[in-house]
Every structure is written in structure tokens, then in C-alpha cells.
Amino acid sequence: MRIVISGATGSIGSMLMERLSPFHDVLGLGRDQTKLNTMGRLFEMSSCTLGSEEFERMVAQADCFIHCAAFAAPRGKASEFQKNVQIVHDMLPVLAKNDVFTIFVSSASVFDAMPRQTAMTSPTIRPKALYSKSKFDAEQAVMTSSYENWTGLRPRAVIGRGDTTVRPRLETLIRRNSVLIPGRGDALLDYTCRENFLDCVEAAIDAGPQGAFLNVSNGDPRTFKRLITTYAKHVHNITNVRHVPMLPLRVMATLFPTDGINHYSLDQVSKAMVLDLSETTQRLNWHPNQSLEQCLEGLL
């Protein structure tokens, strides 16, 4: 099977390159020339503008296109995040014209404005945070288009070997011999282990177009305190915990926001986020198998 992956030099994209390349004819697309050169020693890599004529030539012969490319950051300019939406608008006519089966990798951040008392199914309220809003708008662009040959996946916090997004954020909360926990750390949170996400993508390829965005997680939500202490114990053998009051952190996030301390990042660890996986398991015949502890063993 010929598979083209956008954002192949990123965290999730590079995981997919490694998983799929031994079994399929895979082309990875990216913009970071240094990473393209490095990954090019192992994989077929290329650089192009998504939605361009060059892009069309690359996907026209593909059996599957997996769209992972996105600007993801806790802070940034609105114009940078808007590109996440514009790219989808630019690609849709090309994908529809060539009838390429596409897997759109979205994010559970689309639920950020939703009430947190129950498990999330489908978002109905547009988020305010720039990244979350861009992923919500990108989903809407796909769902309201005439293009039908697609499936969307919404993973939450993919962690594991090769992760360059979630793990660095956890590492910022480990100082010397202690784990710093903002607030009480009692928010119940879903997460997704690397192998479970990759299994889900393969299941989506096998299942074919669903015309829906499907939630992805480990199905084993834990409090943030339990999540980060499990991580610290397995990876660093650190068990000491120090709670940091939330109020001064919120003040700092308002007055002097940084990449480490900002309202978006604080919300991610202090507000519950549990996903309903029932539709995903039913449609894709997929179930998460890798536990958090097994996943963390792969980081040692």
C-alpha cells in the first residue's frame, strides 16, 4: 500500500513512519530540512507545500494519506494557528479530486470548551485557546465539505518512545528530586500510549472511510497526580511530591505568560478530560492494549 504522511518529522508523524514503513510503501512529508535529512537515511522523505500541484502529484497515486501536520504550541500568533485550518481547506479539493482515502489526525483539545462532568463524545462548543480553536475549525472544514473518503482520529496526549510533545511538558515539572504538581492534581485525565495510537491508525486504515472523527485514548483515565508520579517513578525513580498552589500560577500566567506557565498548559493538567471510546471501538474494531506502565518501560 502506498501511504503519504504529512508532518512526518513531527512527534506523531515520525512514530507513524517507523510503524508503517516496514510493511508499506511510505512517503513522509515535512518542512524541517534538518529532520528531513536525518530521517531520509531511513525513510523516503520529501518537502512540499500541502495543497500544491507538487502535493497533488504525490498523493494522486497514494492509497492512503495521513494528515498529521499542524502548528502545535501552548502560545503563538493567531496567524500561525490559522494555518492549521487553511491547510485543510487547501488540501480538500485535491483529496476529493483524486479520491484519496485520508486519515485526519486531530486532537482531543477540540473538547476544551465543553463541560467536563461526563465523558466526551463530540464537541459542540468552539474553544477559545488558539490551538484548540484551530483543530476544532479544521474538523468543521472536513465535516462540512463534500469530501467523503476520510476518517478522523482525536488522540489525547500521545506519550511513548519518540514523543517530543507530552514528555517534555512532564519533564518541566520534575525538579531535582521532586515532582511539582500544580494545584491538587486531582483532575481525571485521559492519555494515549504510543502503541495504542499506532494500532488505532492501522485499524483505521483497515476499516476504511468512516466520515467521522473518533476519540482515541488508553481508556484508563487517571488523576494528573497519579499520571506524573507514575512517570517520575518509572523514568527517574523519583517519588517525592511537592504541590504548587494554583492561584499564584494563574496570576503568573496572566501577567507574565511563558511556554511553561500559561493558562492553556495549566488547563490541560487541572481540568478533567475523559473521552468516550465506544464509537471508536465499534467502528474500527480496536481496543487499547498497552498500559501506561508498559509504555513507560519503553522510555528507559
C-alpha atoms as a PDB file:
ATOM      1  CA  MET A   1       0.000   0.000   0.000  1.00  0.00           C
ATOM      2  CA  ARG A   2       1.273   3.466  -0.889  1.00  0.00           C
ATOM      3  CA  ILE A   3       0.890   5.806   2.107  1.00  0.00           C
ATOM      4  CA  VAL A   4       1.782   9.506   2.283  1.00  0.00           C
ATOM      5  CA  ILE A   5       2.172  11.149   5.708  1.00  0.00           C
ATOM      6  CA  SER A   6       2.230  14.914   6.296  1.00  0.00           C
ATOM      7  CA  GLY A   7       4.021  16.257   9.363  1.00  0.00           C
ATOM      8  CA  ALA A   8       6.279  13.213   9.169  1.00  0.00           C
ATOM      9  CA  THR A   9       9.125  14.955  11.008  1.00  0.00           C
ATOM     10  CA  GLY A  10       6.897  15.730  13.994  1.00  0.00           C
ATOM     11  CA  SER A  11       6.219  13.636  17.068  1.00  0.00           C
ATOM     12  CA  ILE A  12       3.218  11.634  15.830  1.00  0.00           C
ATOM     13  CA  GLY A  13       4.254  11.651  12.177  1.00  0.00           C
ATOM     14  CA  SER A  14       7.676  10.165  12.905  1.00  0.00           C
ATOM     15  CA  MET A  15       6.076   7.433  15.021  1.00  0.00           C
ATOM     16  CA  LEU A  16       3.861   6.525  12.070  1.00  0.00           C
ATOM     17  CA  MET A  17       6.827   6.498   9.685  1.00  0.00           C
ATOM     18  CA  GLU A  18       8.583   3.977  11.902  1.00  0.00           C
ATOM     19  CA  ARG A  19       5.487   1.788  12.389  1.00  0.00           C
ATOM     20  CA  LEU A  20       4.210   1.714   8.792  1.00  0.00           C
ATOM     21  CA  SER A  21       7.382   1.767   6.664  1.00  0.00           C
ATOM     22  CA  PRO A  22       8.363  -1.902   7.192  1.00  0.00           C
ATOM     23  CA  PHE A  23       5.012  -3.051   5.793  1.00  0.00           C
ATOM     24  CA  HIS A  24       4.021  -0.357   3.285  1.00  0.00           C
ATOM     25  CA  ASP A  25       5.470   1.969   0.655  1.00  0.00           C
ATOM     26  CA  VAL A  26       5.541   5.160   2.752  1.00  0.00           C
ATOM     27  CA  LEU A  27       6.462   8.732   1.821  1.00  0.00           C
ATOM     28  CA  GLY A  28       6.925  11.259   4.610  1.00  0.00           C
ATOM     29  CA  LEU A  29       6.361  14.982   4.045  1.00  0.00           C
ATOM     30  CA  GLY A  30       7.862  17.697   6.242  1.00  0.00           C
ATOM     31  CA  ARG A  31       9.272  21.231   6.301  1.00  0.00           C
ATOM     32  CA  ASP A  32      12.212  20.889   8.708  1.00  0.00           C
ATOM     33  CA  GLN A  33      15.132  20.289   6.359  1.00  0.00           C
ATOM     34  CA  THR A  34      17.480  19.102   9.102  1.00  0.00           C
ATOM     35  CA  LYS A  35      14.999  16.459  10.252  1.00  0.00           C
ATOM     36  CA  LEU A  36      14.206  15.535   6.653  1.00  0.00           C
ATOM     37  CA  ASN A  37      17.904  14.893   6.022  1.00  0.00           C
ATOM     38  CA  THR A  38      18.249  12.816   9.192  1.00  0.00           C
ATOM     39  CA  MET A  39      15.106  10.751   8.634  1.00  0.00           C
ATOM     40  CA  GLY A  40      15.966  10.450   4.942  1.00  0.00           C
ATOM     41  CA  ARG A  41      18.701   7.982   5.873  1.00  0.00           C
ATOM     42  CA  LEU A  42      15.997   5.535   6.950  1.00  0.00           C
ATOM     43  CA  PHE A  43      12.817   6.579   5.140  1.00  0.00           C
ATOM     44  CA  GLU A  44      11.588   8.127   1.897  1.00  0.00           C
ATOM     45  CA  MET A  45      11.146  11.807   2.744  1.00  0.00           C
ATOM     46  CA  SER A  46      10.235  14.942   0.802  1.00  0.00           C
ATOM     47  CA  SER A  47       9.297  18.583   1.301  1.00  0.00           C
ATOM     48  CA  CYS A  48       6.353  20.274  -0.379  1.00  0.00           C
ATOM     49  CA  THR A  49       3.565  22.771   0.245  1.00  0.00           C
ATOM     50  CA  LEU A  50       0.385  20.944   1.196  1.00  0.00           C
ATOM     51  CA  GLY A  51      -2.355  21.559  -1.341  1.00  0.00           C
ATOM     52  CA  SER A  52       0.099  22.493  -4.116  1.00  0.00           C
ATOM     53  CA  GLU A  53       0.460  20.875  -7.553  1.00  0.00           C
ATOM     54  CA  GLU A  54       3.521  19.045  -6.242  1.00  0.00           C
ATOM     55  CA  PHE A  55       1.435  17.745  -3.340  1.00  0.00           C
ATOM     56  CA  GLU A  56      -1.236  16.559  -5.780  1.00  0.00           C
ATOM     57  CA  ARG A  57       1.335  14.590  -7.761  1.00  0.00           C
ATOM     58  CA  MET A  58       2.467  12.902  -4.559  1.00  0.00           C
ATOM     59  CA  VAL A  59      -0.979  11.911  -3.276  1.00  0.00           C
ATOM     60  CA  ALA A  60      -2.596  11.120  -6.635  1.00  0.00           C
ATOM     61  CA  GLN A  61      -1.072   7.633  -6.642  1.00  0.00           C
ATOM     62  CA  ALA A  62      -1.461   7.047  -2.902  1.00  0.00           C
ATOM     63  CA  ASP A  63      -3.842   4.526  -1.369  1.00  0.00           C
ATOM     64  CA  CYS A  64      -3.924   6.470   1.894  1.00  0.00           C
ATOM     65  CA  PHE A  65      -2.924   9.955   3.057  1.00  0.00           C
ATOM     66  CA  ILE A  66      -2.414  10.579   6.785  1.00  0.00           C
ATOM     67  CA  HIS A  67      -2.525  14.256   7.731  1.00  0.00           C
ATOM     68  CA  CYS A  68      -0.506  14.935  10.890  1.00  0.00           C
ATOM     69  CA  ALA A  69       0.995  18.332  10.053  1.00  0.00           C
ATOM     70  CA  ALA A  70      -0.035  21.091  12.455  1.00  0.00           C
ATOM     71  CA  PHE A  71       1.371  24.023  14.368  1.00  0.00           C
ATOM     72  CA  ALA A  72       1.034  22.903  17.987  1.00  0.00           C
ATOM     73  CA  ALA A  73       2.185  25.126  20.849  1.00  0.00           C
ATOM     74  CA  PRO A  74       0.774  26.494  24.113  1.00  0.00           C
ATOM     75  CA  ARG A  75       1.345  30.032  22.789  1.00  0.00           C
ATOM     76  CA  GLY A  76       1.837  31.715  19.440  1.00  0.00           C
ATOM     77  CA  LYS A  77       0.409  34.147  16.915  1.00  0.00           C
ATOM     78  CA  ALA A  78      -3.171  33.667  15.741  1.00  0.00           C
ATOM     79  CA  SER A  79      -1.929  33.612  12.144  1.00  0.00           C
ATOM     80  CA  GLU A  80       0.317  30.634  12.900  1.00  0.00           C
ATOM     81  CA  PHE A  81      -2.565  28.585  14.279  1.00  0.00           C
ATOM     82  CA  GLN A  82      -4.894  29.671  11.470  1.00  0.00           C
ATOM     83  CA  LYS A  83      -2.585  27.850   9.064  1.00  0.00           C
ATOM     84  CA  ASN A  84      -3.838  24.580  10.606  1.00  0.00           C
ATOM     85  CA  VAL A  85      -7.263  25.417   9.178  1.00  0.00           C
ATOM     86  CA  GLN A  86      -6.118  26.929   5.901  1.00  0.00           C
ATOM     87  CA  ILE A  87      -4.004  23.877   5.056  1.00  0.00           C
ATOM     88  CA  VAL A  88      -7.066  21.643   5.376  1.00  0.00           C
ATOM     89  CA  HIS A  89      -9.080  23.977   3.137  1.00  0.00           C
ATOM     90  CA  ASP A  90      -6.241  23.907   0.585  1.00  0.00           C
ATOM     91  CA  MET A  91      -5.944  20.108   0.615  1.00  0.00           C
ATOM     92  CA  LEU A  92      -9.618  19.140   0.475  1.00  0.00           C
ATOM     93  CA  PRO A  93     -10.145  19.894  -3.251  1.00  0.00           C
ATOM     94  CA  VAL A  94      -7.004  17.918  -4.125  1.00  0.00           C
ATOM     95  CA  LEU A  95      -8.001  14.950  -1.975  1.00  0.00           C
ATOM     96  CA  ALA A  96     -11.556  14.959  -3.322  1.00  0.00           C
ATOM     97  CA  LYS A  97     -10.420  15.268  -6.944  1.00  0.00           C
ATOM     98  CA  ASN A  98      -8.144  12.232  -6.600  1.00  0.00           C
ATOM     99  CA  ASP A  99     -10.480  10.357  -4.219  1.00  0.00           C
ATOM    100  CA  VAL A 100      -7.628   9.624  -1.810  1.00  0.00           C
ATOM    101  CA  PHE A 101      -8.617   7.936   1.454  1.00  0.00           C
ATOM    102  CA  THR A 102      -7.425  10.305   4.182  1.00  0.00           C
ATOM    103  CA  ILE A 103      -6.941   9.922   7.913  1.00  0.00           C
ATOM    104  CA  PHE A 104      -7.044  13.340   9.569  1.00  0.00           C
ATOM    105  CA  VAL A 105      -5.195  13.338  12.906  1.00  0.00           C
ATOM    106  CA  SER A 106      -6.953  15.920  15.054  1.00  0.00           C
ATOM    107  CA  SER A 107      -6.717  16.444  18.813  1.00  0.00           C
ATOM    108  CA  ALA A 108      -8.846  15.975  21.906  1.00  0.00           C
ATOM    109  CA  SER A 109      -8.220  19.670  22.554  1.00  0.00           C
ATOM    110  CA  VAL A 110     -11.354  20.286  20.454  1.00  0.00           C
ATOM    111  CA  PHE A 111     -13.242  19.476  23.684  1.00  0.00           C
ATOM    112  CA  ASP A 112     -11.543  22.216  25.720  1.00  0.00           C
ATOM    113  CA  ALA A 113     -14.671  24.401  25.958  1.00  0.00           C
ATOM    114  CA  MET A 114     -17.005  21.509  26.792  1.00  0.00           C
ATOM    115  CA  PRO A 115     -18.360  20.748  30.298  1.00  0.00           C
ATOM    116  CA  ARG A 116     -16.056  18.218  31.957  1.00  0.00           C
ATOM    117  CA  GLN A 117     -18.518  16.284  34.133  1.00  0.00           C
ATOM    118  CA  THR A 118     -19.059  13.451  31.634  1.00  0.00           C
ATOM    119  CA  ALA A 119     -17.016  11.593  29.029  1.00  0.00           C
ATOM    120  CA  MET A 120     -16.577  13.483  25.769  1.00  0.00           C
ATOM    121  CA  THR A 121     -18.310  12.294  22.602  1.00  0.00           C
ATOM    122  CA  SER A 122     -18.443  15.130  20.033  1.00  0.00           C
ATOM    123  CA  PRO A 123     -17.569  18.807  20.593  1.00  0.00           C
ATOM    124  CA  THR A 124     -20.366  21.336  20.197  1.00  0.00           C
ATOM    125  CA  ILE A 125     -18.713  24.443  21.680  1.00  0.00           C
ATOM    126  CA  ARG A 126     -15.872  26.206  19.855  1.00  0.00           C
ATOM    127  CA  PRO A 127     -12.791  26.523  22.114  1.00  0.00           C
ATOM    128  CA  LYS A 128     -11.129  29.858  22.839  1.00  0.00           C
ATOM    129  CA  ALA A 129      -7.477  28.764  23.009  1.00  0.00           C
ATOM    130  CA  LEU A 130      -5.821  29.322  19.632  1.00  0.00           C
ATOM    131  CA  TYR A 131      -4.545  25.779  19.071  1.00  0.00           C
ATOM    132  CA  SER A 132      -7.766  24.121  20.244  1.00  0.00           C
ATOM    133  CA  LYS A 133      -9.835  26.516  18.141  1.00  0.00           C
ATOM    134  CA  SER A 134      -7.761  25.749  15.042  1.00  0.00           C
ATOM    135  CA  LYS A 135      -8.248  21.996  15.441  1.00  0.00           C
ATOM    136  CA  PHE A 136     -11.991  22.478  16.005  1.00  0.00           C
ATOM    137  CA  ASP A 137     -12.253  24.652  12.886  1.00  0.00           C
ATOM    138  CA  ALA A 138     -10.211  22.171  10.843  1.00  0.00           C
ATOM    139  CA  GLU A 139     -12.589  19.381  11.855  1.00  0.00           C
ATOM    140  CA  GLN A 140     -15.551  21.526  10.858  1.00  0.00           C
ATOM    141  CA  ALA A 141     -13.947  22.207   7.474  1.00  0.00           C
ATOM    142  CA  VAL A 142     -13.701  18.477   6.795  1.00  0.00           C
ATOM    143  CA  MET A 143     -17.168  17.598   8.085  1.00  0.00           C
ATOM    144  CA  THR A 144     -18.946  20.355   6.148  1.00  0.00           C
ATOM    145  CA  SER A 145     -17.156  19.613   2.865  1.00  0.00           C
ATOM    146  CA  SER A 146     -18.436  17.331   0.105  1.00  0.00           C
ATOM    147  CA  TYR A 147     -15.393  15.073   0.534  1.00  0.00           C
ATOM    148  CA  GLU A 148     -16.446  11.671   1.902  1.00  0.00           C
ATOM    149  CA  ASN A 149     -13.405   9.386   1.702  1.00  0.00           C
ATOM    150  CA  TRP A 150     -11.984  10.067   5.159  1.00  0.00           C
ATOM    151  CA  THR A 151     -11.704   9.126   8.822  1.00  0.00           C
ATOM    152  CA  GLY A 152     -10.642  11.441  11.655  1.00  0.00           C
ATOM    153  CA  LEU A 153      -8.848  10.485  14.868  1.00  0.00           C
ATOM    154  CA  ARG A 154      -8.739  12.566  18.066  1.00  0.00           C
ATOM    155  CA  PRO A 155      -5.939  11.245  20.296  1.00  0.00           C
ATOM    156  CA  ARG A 156      -5.279  12.814  23.681  1.00  0.00           C
ATOM    157  CA  ALA A 157      -1.712  13.235  24.926  1.00  0.00           C
ATOM    158  CA  VAL A 158       0.197  10.604  22.938  1.00  0.00           C
ATOM    159  CA  ILE A 159       3.177   9.511  25.004  1.00  0.00           C
ATOM    160  CA  GLY A 160       5.919   6.978  24.360  1.00  0.00           C
ATOM    161  CA  ARG A 161       9.200   6.485  22.557  1.00  0.00           C
ATOM    162  CA  GLY A 162       9.710   9.290  20.053  1.00  0.00           C
ATOM    163  CA  ASP A 163       7.286  11.663  21.787  1.00  0.00           C
ATOM    164  CA  THR A 164       8.522  15.237  21.599  1.00  0.00           C
ATOM    165  CA  THR A 165       5.342  16.906  22.830  1.00  0.00           C
ATOM    166  CA  VAL A 166       3.923  15.385  26.020  1.00  0.00           C
ATOM    167  CA  ARG A 167       7.110  14.099  27.623  1.00  0.00           C
ATOM    168  CA  PRO A 168       8.953  17.464  27.567  1.00  0.00           C
ATOM    169  CA  ARG A 169       5.977  19.054  29.342  1.00  0.00           C
ATOM    170  CA  LEU A 170       6.123  16.403  32.049  1.00  0.00           C
ATOM    171  CA  GLU A 171       9.868  16.893  32.377  1.00  0.00           C
ATOM    172  CA  THR A 172       9.413  20.596  33.154  1.00  0.00           C
ATOM    173  CA  LEU A 173       7.573  19.562  36.331  1.00  0.00           C
ATOM    174  CA  ILE A 174      10.418  17.393  37.614  1.00  0.00           C
ATOM    175  CA  ARG A 175      12.959  19.453  39.541  1.00  0.00           C
ATOM    176  CA  ARG A 176      15.922  17.826  41.242  1.00  0.00           C
ATOM    177  CA  ASN A 177      14.409  15.129  43.458  1.00  0.00           C
ATOM    178  CA  SER A 178      10.773  16.229  43.414  1.00  0.00           C
ATOM    179  CA  VAL A 179       7.700  16.249  41.216  1.00  0.00           C
ATOM    180  CA  LEU A 180       5.951  19.628  41.076  1.00  0.00           C
ATOM    181  CA  ILE A 181       2.168  19.351  40.835  1.00  0.00           C
ATOM    182  CA  PRO A 182       0.116  22.463  40.008  1.00  0.00           C
ATOM    183  CA  GLY A 183      -2.805  22.617  42.427  1.00  0.00           C
ATOM    184  CA  ARG A 184      -4.199  19.403  43.881  1.00  0.00           C
ATOM    185  CA  GLY A 185      -3.530  17.274  40.821  1.00  0.00           C
ATOM    186  CA  ASP A 186      -6.914  15.577  41.174  1.00  0.00           C
ATOM    187  CA  ALA A 187      -8.261  16.200  37.657  1.00  0.00           C
ATOM    188  CA  LEU A 188      -9.119  12.905  35.935  1.00  0.00           C
ATOM    189  CA  LEU A 189      -7.307  12.799  32.600  1.00  0.00           C
ATOM    190  CA  ASP A 190      -7.141  10.518  29.595  1.00  0.00           C
ATOM    191  CA  TYR A 191      -3.864   9.909  27.757  1.00  0.00           C
ATOM    192  CA  THR A 192      -2.791   7.687  24.863  1.00  0.00           C
ATOM    193  CA  CYS A 193       0.165   5.322  24.848  1.00  0.00           C
ATOM    194  CA  ARG A 194       2.178   5.259  21.635  1.00  0.00           C
ATOM    195  CA  GLU A 195       1.427   1.664  20.635  1.00  0.00           C
ATOM    196  CA  ASN A 196      -2.306   2.077  21.220  1.00  0.00           C
ATOM    197  CA  PHE A 197      -2.410   5.128  18.958  1.00  0.00           C
ATOM    198  CA  LEU A 198      -0.406   3.406  16.228  1.00  0.00           C
ATOM    199  CA  ASP A 199      -2.641   0.333  16.467  1.00  0.00           C
ATOM    200  CA  CYS A 200      -5.653   2.618  16.088  1.00  0.00           C
ATOM    201  CA  VAL A 201      -4.247   4.214  12.936  1.00  0.00           C
ATOM    202  CA  GLU A 202      -3.667   0.781  11.421  1.00  0.00           C
ATOM    203  CA  ALA A 203      -7.209  -0.218  12.383  1.00  0.00           C
ATOM    204  CA  ALA A 204      -8.489   2.946  10.684  1.00  0.00           C
ATOM    205  CA  ILE A 205      -6.576   2.073   7.512  1.00  0.00           C
ATOM    206  CA  ASP A 206      -8.092  -1.422   7.506  1.00  0.00           C
ATOM    207  CA  ALA A 207     -11.619  -0.182   8.264  1.00  0.00           C
ATOM    208  CA  GLY A 208     -11.690   2.422   5.501  1.00  0.00           C
ATOM    209  CA  PRO A 209     -13.618   5.716   5.453  1.00  0.00           C
ATOM    210  CA  GLN A 210     -15.940   6.364   8.386  1.00  0.00           C
ATOM    211  CA  GLY A 211     -16.805  10.002   7.692  1.00  0.00           C
ATOM    212  CA  ALA A 212     -16.441  10.816  11.395  1.00  0.00           C
ATOM    213  CA  PHE A 213     -13.865  11.963  13.937  1.00  0.00           C
ATOM    214  CA  LEU A 214     -13.222   9.230  16.502  1.00  0.00           C
ATOM    215  CA  ASN A 215     -11.773   9.617  20.003  1.00  0.00           C
ATOM    216  CA  VAL A 216      -8.543   7.825  20.914  1.00  0.00           C
ATOM    217  CA  SER A 217      -7.071   7.225  24.375  1.00  0.00           C
ATOM    218  CA  ASN A 218      -5.956   4.436  26.681  1.00  0.00           C
ATOM    219  CA  GLY A 219      -9.437   4.180  28.161  1.00  0.00           C
ATOM    220  CA  ASP A 220      -7.826   4.229  31.608  1.00  0.00           C
ATOM    221  CA  PRO A 221      -8.139   7.801  32.925  1.00  0.00           C
ATOM    222  CA  ARG A 222      -6.025   8.708  35.946  1.00  0.00           C
ATOM    223  CA  THR A 223      -5.623  11.807  38.056  1.00  0.00           C
ATOM    224  CA  PHE A 224      -2.837  14.092  36.923  1.00  0.00           C
ATOM    225  CA  LYS A 225      -1.027  13.427  40.204  1.00  0.00           C
ATOM    226  CA  ARG A 226      -1.101   9.690  39.567  1.00  0.00           C
ATOM    227  CA  LEU A 227      -0.038  10.142  35.951  1.00  0.00           C
ATOM    228  CA  ILE A 228       3.009  12.270  36.631  1.00  0.00           C
ATOM    229  CA  THR A 229       4.105  10.372  39.744  1.00  0.00           C
ATOM    230  CA  THR A 230       3.911   7.107  37.787  1.00  0.00           C
ATOM    231  CA  TYR A 231       6.018   8.715  35.063  1.00  0.00           C
ATOM    232  CA  ALA A 232       8.549  10.127  37.550  1.00  0.00           C
ATOM    233  CA  LYS A 233       8.853   6.799  39.370  1.00  0.00           C
ATOM    234  CA  HIS A 234       9.346   4.699  36.222  1.00  0.00           C
ATOM    235  CA  VAL A 235      11.631   7.079  34.338  1.00  0.00           C
ATOM    236  CA  HIS A 236      13.590   8.861  37.094  1.00  0.00           C
ATOM    237  CA  ASN A 237      12.914   6.790  40.235  1.00  0.00           C
ATOM    238  CA  ILE A 238      11.611   9.958  41.905  1.00  0.00           C
ATOM    239  CA  THR A 239       8.766   9.676  44.402  1.00  0.00           C
ATOM    240  CA  ASN A 240       8.842  12.992  46.278  1.00  0.00           C
ATOM    241  CA  VAL A 241       5.872  15.252  45.528  1.00  0.00           C
ATOM    242  CA  ARG A 242       5.528  18.992  46.012  1.00  0.00           C
ATOM    243  CA  HIS A 243       2.216  20.749  45.343  1.00  0.00           C
ATOM    244  CA  VAL A 244       2.349  24.297  43.969  1.00  0.00           C
ATOM    245  CA  PRO A 245      -0.727  26.477  44.740  1.00  0.00           C
ATOM    246  CA  MET A 246      -2.743  27.173  41.605  1.00  0.00           C
ATOM    247  CA  LEU A 247      -3.615  30.822  42.364  1.00  0.00           C
ATOM    248  CA  PRO A 248      -0.089  32.267  42.014  1.00  0.00           C
ATOM    249  CA  LEU A 249       0.421  30.161  38.884  1.00  0.00           C
ATOM    250  CA  ARG A 250      -2.730  31.666  37.371  1.00  0.00           C
ATOM    251  CA  VAL A 251      -1.529  35.161  38.268  1.00  0.00           C
ATOM    252  CA  MET A 252       1.820  34.477  36.603  1.00  0.00           C
ATOM    253  CA  ALA A 253       0.044  33.034  33.544  1.00  0.00           C
ATOM    254  CA  THR A 254      -1.960  36.252  33.252  1.00  0.00           C
ATOM    255  CA  LEU A 255       0.804  38.777  33.884  1.00  0.00           C
ATOM    256  CA  PHE A 256       3.947  37.004  32.664  1.00  0.00           C
ATOM    257  CA  PRO A 257       2.974  34.026  30.483  1.00  0.00           C
ATOM    258  CA  THR A 258       5.744  31.714  29.321  1.00  0.00           C
ATOM    259  CA  ASP A 259       5.823  28.477  27.343  1.00  0.00           C
ATOM    260  CA  GLY A 260       5.870  26.627  30.670  1.00  0.00           C
ATOM    261  CA  ILE A 261       3.358  28.716  32.625  1.00  0.00           C
ATOM    262  CA  ASN A 262       0.286  29.812  30.686  1.00  0.00           C
ATOM    263  CA  HIS A 263      -3.445  29.281  31.036  1.00  0.00           C
ATOM    264  CA  TYR A 264      -3.625  26.690  28.260  1.00  0.00           C
ATOM    265  CA  SER A 265      -0.971  24.469  29.857  1.00  0.00           C
ATOM    266  CA  LEU A 266      -2.483  24.859  33.326  1.00  0.00           C
ATOM    267  CA  ASP A 267      -5.923  23.934  31.994  1.00  0.00           C
ATOM    268  CA  GLN A 268      -4.512  20.760  30.444  1.00  0.00           C
ATOM    269  CA  VAL A 269      -3.482  19.399  33.852  1.00  0.00           C
ATOM    270  CA  SER A 270      -6.159  20.905  36.118  1.00  0.00           C
ATOM    271  CA  LYS A 271      -9.413  20.322  34.196  1.00  0.00           C
ATOM    272  CA  ALA A 272     -10.803  16.814  33.751  1.00  0.00           C
ATOM    273  CA  MET A 273     -10.744  15.298  30.257  1.00  0.00           C
ATOM    274  CA  VAL A 274     -12.134  11.805  29.703  1.00  0.00           C
ATOM    275  CA  LEU A 275     -13.050  10.552  26.230  1.00  0.00           C
ATOM    276  CA  ASP A 276     -15.868   8.223  25.219  1.00  0.00           C
ATOM    277  CA  LEU A 277     -14.277   5.464  23.113  1.00  0.00           C
ATOM    278  CA  SER A 278     -17.418   3.448  22.368  1.00  0.00           C
ATOM    279  CA  GLU A 279     -17.829   4.654  18.776  1.00  0.00           C
ATOM    280  CA  THR A 280     -14.128   4.158  18.042  1.00  0.00           C
ATOM    281  CA  THR A 281     -14.013   0.590  19.320  1.00  0.00           C
ATOM    282  CA  GLN A 282     -17.207  -0.290  17.469  1.00  0.00           C
ATOM    283  CA  ARG A 283     -16.322   1.267  14.116  1.00  0.00           C
ATOM    284  CA  LEU A 284     -12.652   0.275  13.995  1.00  0.00           C
ATOM    285  CA  ASN A 285     -12.721  -2.984  15.968  1.00  0.00           C
ATOM    286  CA  TRP A 286      -9.869  -1.547  18.025  1.00  0.00           C
ATOM    287  CA  HIS A 287      -9.117  -1.737  21.738  1.00  0.00           C
ATOM    288  CA  PRO A 288      -6.166  -0.215  23.641  1.00  0.00           C
ATOM    289  CA  ASN A 289      -3.774  -2.915  24.858  1.00  0.00           C
ATOM    290  CA  GLN A 290      -0.623  -1.131  26.059  1.00  0.00           C
ATOM    291  CA  SER A 291      -0.762   0.029  29.680  1.00  0.00           C
ATOM    292  CA  LEU A 292       0.886   3.222  30.886  1.00  0.00           C
ATOM    293  CA  GLU A 293       3.453   1.203  32.812  1.00  0.00           C
ATOM    294  CA  GLN A 294       4.338  -0.863  29.721  1.00  0.00           C
ATOM    295  CA  CYS A 295       4.598   2.331  27.695  1.00  0.00           C
ATOM    296  CA  LEU A 296       6.963   3.948  30.179  1.00  0.00           C
ATOM    297  CA  GLU A 297       9.233   0.905  30.138  1.00  0.00           C
ATOM    298  CA  GLY A 298       9.954   1.796  26.519  1.00  0.00           C
ATOM    299  CA  LEU A 299      11.368   5.155  27.631  1.00  0.00           C
ATOM    300  CA  LEU A 300      14.098   3.655  29.792  1.00  0.00           C
END
